[in-house]
Protein backbone atom coordinates (compact mmCIF):
# COMPACT_ATOMS: atom_id res chain seq x y z
CA MET A 1 16.61 8.45 28.72
CA PHE A 2 14.08 6.98 30.99
CA SER A 3 11.52 7.31 28.27
CA LEU A 4 13.65 5.56 26.13
CA LEU A 5 14.17 2.54 28.56
CA ARG A 6 10.34 2.69 29.04
CA GLY A 7 9.41 2.27 25.36
CA LEU A 8 11.56 -0.76 25.30
CA PHE A 9 10.03 -2.19 28.15
CA ARG A 10 6.31 -1.33 27.52
CA SER A 11 3.68 -3.54 28.32
CA GLU A 12 0.66 -1.94 26.56
CA PRO A 13 0.01 -2.60 22.63
CA ASP A 14 0.85 -0.20 20.23
CA PRO A 15 -2.43 1.68 19.26
CA ARG A 16 -1.68 1.57 15.53
CA GLU A 17 -2.21 -2.13 15.37
CA ALA A 18 -5.82 -1.64 15.68
CA ARG A 19 -5.55 0.15 12.03
CA ARG A 20 -3.26 -3.06 10.72
CA PRO A 21 -6.30 -5.03 9.50
CA LEU A 22 -7.34 -1.99 7.37
CA TRP A 23 -3.60 -1.37 6.13
CA ASN A 24 -3.59 -4.90 4.85
CA ALA A 25 -6.68 -4.39 3.19
CA VAL A 26 -5.09 -1.07 1.69
CA VAL A 27 -2.48 -3.51 0.46
CA ALA A 28 -4.36 -6.24 -1.00
CA THR A 29 -6.70 -3.96 -2.78
CA ALA A 30 -3.53 -2.29 -4.47
CA ARG A 31 -2.08 -5.80 -5.24
CA MET A 32 -5.36 -6.92 -7.02
CA PRO A 33 -3.96 -8.20 -10.66
CA HIS A 34 -6.99 -6.16 -12.53
CA TRP A 35 -4.93 -3.02 -12.03
CA TYR A 36 -1.86 -4.35 -13.59
CA SER A 37 -3.69 -6.48 -16.08
CA ALA A 38 -6.57 -4.74 -17.51
CA GLY A 39 -5.41 -1.43 -16.09
CA GLY A 40 -1.78 -1.65 -17.32
CA VAL A 41 -0.49 -0.10 -14.22
CA PRO A 42 3.49 -1.34 -14.27
CA ASP A 43 3.76 -4.33 -12.00
CA THR A 44 7.27 -2.98 -10.72
CA LEU A 45 8.18 -1.63 -7.17
CA ASP A 46 7.48 1.89 -8.55
CA GLY A 47 3.96 0.59 -9.82
CA ARG A 48 3.19 -1.06 -6.65
CA PHE A 49 3.83 1.77 -4.46
CA ASP A 50 1.86 4.26 -6.80
CA MET A 51 -1.21 1.77 -6.40
CA ILE A 52 -0.78 1.61 -2.46
CA SER A 53 -0.64 5.40 -2.44
CA LEU A 54 -3.87 5.57 -4.74
CA VAL A 55 -5.70 3.11 -2.58
CA LEU A 56 -4.37 4.68 0.61
CA ALA A 57 -5.15 8.40 -0.51
CA LEU A 58 -9.23 7.22 -1.22
CA VAL A 59 -9.16 5.48 1.87
CA LEU A 60 -7.57 8.86 3.82
CA HIS A 61 -10.13 11.04 1.93
CA ARG A 62 -12.79 9.20 3.72
CA ILE A 63 -11.40 8.98 7.09
CA ASP A 64 -11.21 12.80 6.77
CA GLN A 65 -14.87 13.12 6.23
CA ASP A 66 -15.17 12.27 9.86
CA PRO A 67 -13.16 14.89 12.20
CA ASP A 68 -13.79 12.19 15.30
CA GLN A 69 -11.41 9.69 13.42
CA ALA A 70 -8.16 12.02 12.63
CA LEU A 71 -6.35 9.70 15.03
CA ALA A 72 -7.10 6.71 12.62
CA GLY A 73 -5.69 8.52 9.42
CA VAL A 74 -2.59 9.25 11.44
CA GLN A 75 -2.16 5.66 12.75
CA LEU A 76 -2.80 4.33 9.16
CA THR A 77 -0.52 6.71 7.82
CA GLU A 78 2.37 5.69 10.20
CA LEU A 79 1.88 2.13 9.12
CA PHE A 80 2.53 2.94 5.55
CA VAL A 81 5.73 4.70 6.76
CA ASP A 82 6.78 1.65 8.87
CA ASP A 83 5.81 -0.89 5.98
CA MET A 84 7.89 1.05 3.45
CA ASP A 85 11.10 1.14 5.63
CA GLY A 86 10.60 -1.98 6.24
CA GLN A 87 10.26 -2.85 2.73
CA MET A 88 13.17 -0.87 1.57
CA ARG A 89 15.33 -2.23 3.95
CA GLN A 90 14.66 -5.63 2.95
CA ILE A 91 15.36 -4.98 -0.60
CA GLY A 92 19.08 -4.13 0.83
CA PHE A 93 18.59 -0.03 1.26
CA GLY A 94 20.75 0.98 4.10
CA ASP A 95 20.24 3.32 7.12
CA MET A 96 21.62 6.38 5.46
CA VAL A 97 19.53 6.19 2.59
CA VAL A 98 16.22 4.97 3.98
CA GLY A 99 15.46 8.05 5.99
CA LYS A 100 15.73 10.52 2.93
CA GLN A 101 13.72 7.27 0.47
CA ILE A 102 10.87 7.71 3.42
CA GLY A 103 10.60 11.41 3.19
CA ARG A 104 10.27 11.52 -0.56
CA MET A 105 7.74 8.74 0.05
CA VAL A 106 5.51 10.68 2.37
CA GLY A 107 5.88 13.52 0.22
CA ALA A 108 4.61 11.70 -3.01
CA LEU A 109 1.78 10.47 -0.63
CA GLY A 110 1.12 13.95 0.25
CA GLY A 111 0.98 15.06 -3.43
CA ARG A 112 -1.15 12.28 -4.30
CA LEU A 113 -3.63 13.40 -1.59
CA GLY A 114 -4.25 16.15 -3.17
CA ALA A 115 -4.37 15.09 -6.75
CA TYR A 116 -6.48 12.31 -6.03
CA ARG A 117 -9.17 14.96 -4.61
CA ALA A 118 -10.31 15.47 -8.05
CA ALA A 119 -13.84 14.32 -9.59
CA ASP A 120 -14.34 10.91 -10.65
CA GLY A 121 -14.34 10.85 -14.34
CA SER A 122 -12.39 14.35 -14.80
CA SER A 123 -9.57 15.19 -16.80
CA GLU A 124 -7.97 15.99 -13.55
CA LEU A 125 -8.08 12.82 -12.00
CA SER A 126 -7.18 11.49 -15.53
CA ALA A 127 -3.83 13.51 -15.73
CA ALA A 128 -3.21 12.76 -11.92
CA LEU A 129 -3.48 8.97 -12.66
CA VAL A 130 -1.34 9.30 -15.72
CA ARG A 131 1.54 11.27 -14.22
CA ASN A 132 1.65 9.28 -10.98
CA LEU A 133 0.63 5.57 -11.90
CA TRP A 134 2.56 5.65 -15.53
CA ARG A 135 4.93 8.53 -14.21
CA GLY A 136 3.77 10.69 -17.02
CA GLN A 137 5.14 8.18 -20.13
CA ASP A 138 2.30 7.09 -22.25
CA ALA A 139 -0.32 4.97 -20.69
CA PRO A 140 -2.90 2.47 -22.74
CA GLU A 141 -6.14 4.26 -23.15
CA ALA A 142 -8.05 1.26 -22.42
CA GLY A 143 -6.12 1.20 -18.93
CA ILE A 144 -6.77 4.67 -17.85
CA ALA A 145 -10.45 3.78 -18.71
CA HIS A 146 -10.27 0.98 -16.44
CA VAL A 147 -8.24 2.64 -13.44
CA MET A 148 -10.94 5.46 -13.52
CA THR A 149 -13.78 3.23 -13.55
CA GLU A 150 -12.50 1.21 -10.63
CA VAL A 151 -11.53 4.57 -8.70
CA ALA A 152 -15.20 5.54 -9.11
CA LYS A 153 -16.35 2.23 -7.67
CA LEU A 154 -13.71 1.98 -4.83
CA ARG A 155 -14.60 5.72 -3.74
CA ALA A 156 -18.68 5.04 -4.01
CA GLY A 157 -17.84 1.89 -1.99
CA LEU A 158 -16.04 3.88 0.43
CA ALA A 159 -18.62 6.74 0.80
CA ALA A 160 -21.20 3.86 1.38
CA MET A 161 -19.37 2.72 4.66
CA PRO A 162 -19.49 4.63 7.86
CA VAL A 163 -16.18 5.72 8.80
CA ASP A 164 -16.09 3.92 11.99
CA ALA A 165 -17.22 0.50 10.08
CA LEU A 166 -14.19 1.62 7.62
CA ILE A 167 -11.42 1.93 10.20
CA ALA A 168 -12.21 -1.38 11.58
CA ALA A 169 -12.55 -2.92 8.44
CA ASP A 170 -10.25 -6.01 7.15
CA THR A 171 -11.52 -5.39 3.42
CA LEU A 172 -12.52 -2.71 1.10
CA PRO A 173 -15.37 -2.41 -1.01
CA GLY A 174 -14.91 -4.46 -3.98
CA GLN A 175 -11.76 -6.30 -2.73
CA GLY A 176 -13.47 -9.75 -3.02
CA ARG A 177 -13.51 -9.44 -7.04
């Protein structure tokens, strides 16, 4: 009980907030119109979630390359969970449903973290993108090509950034497109 009350009246800032600019950059990158127009990713709630998961997975892969920054990856993932929770509540999901849905979303992110480790230009990456962004439906060839190219560019831009600069970033490579 004491720890609950102490948490309510805590004066120190939430350490996850240091990752808020990076989280905002992930969302902004995922919401760039080219993914939906040239890429043909469905501009739906699911499509937006899938794009956020894709960009977040690429950022987390880069953070994972520096074991000293593991906490930053955890904090960024926690912001993802908090944001998804808030979004679901905002569109009207009740308490009983939100927890189960968040569990599914975290599971989906975990699956994508593995799937998106596939090499740029590979058939494995293409299959993962079709499975996740288009939910296994017919995807436009030009759209797949566009997304594959943009993923490779984003991954290269992230690789060129030192991880400590990335976790302090408020924009991602290519975001100013």
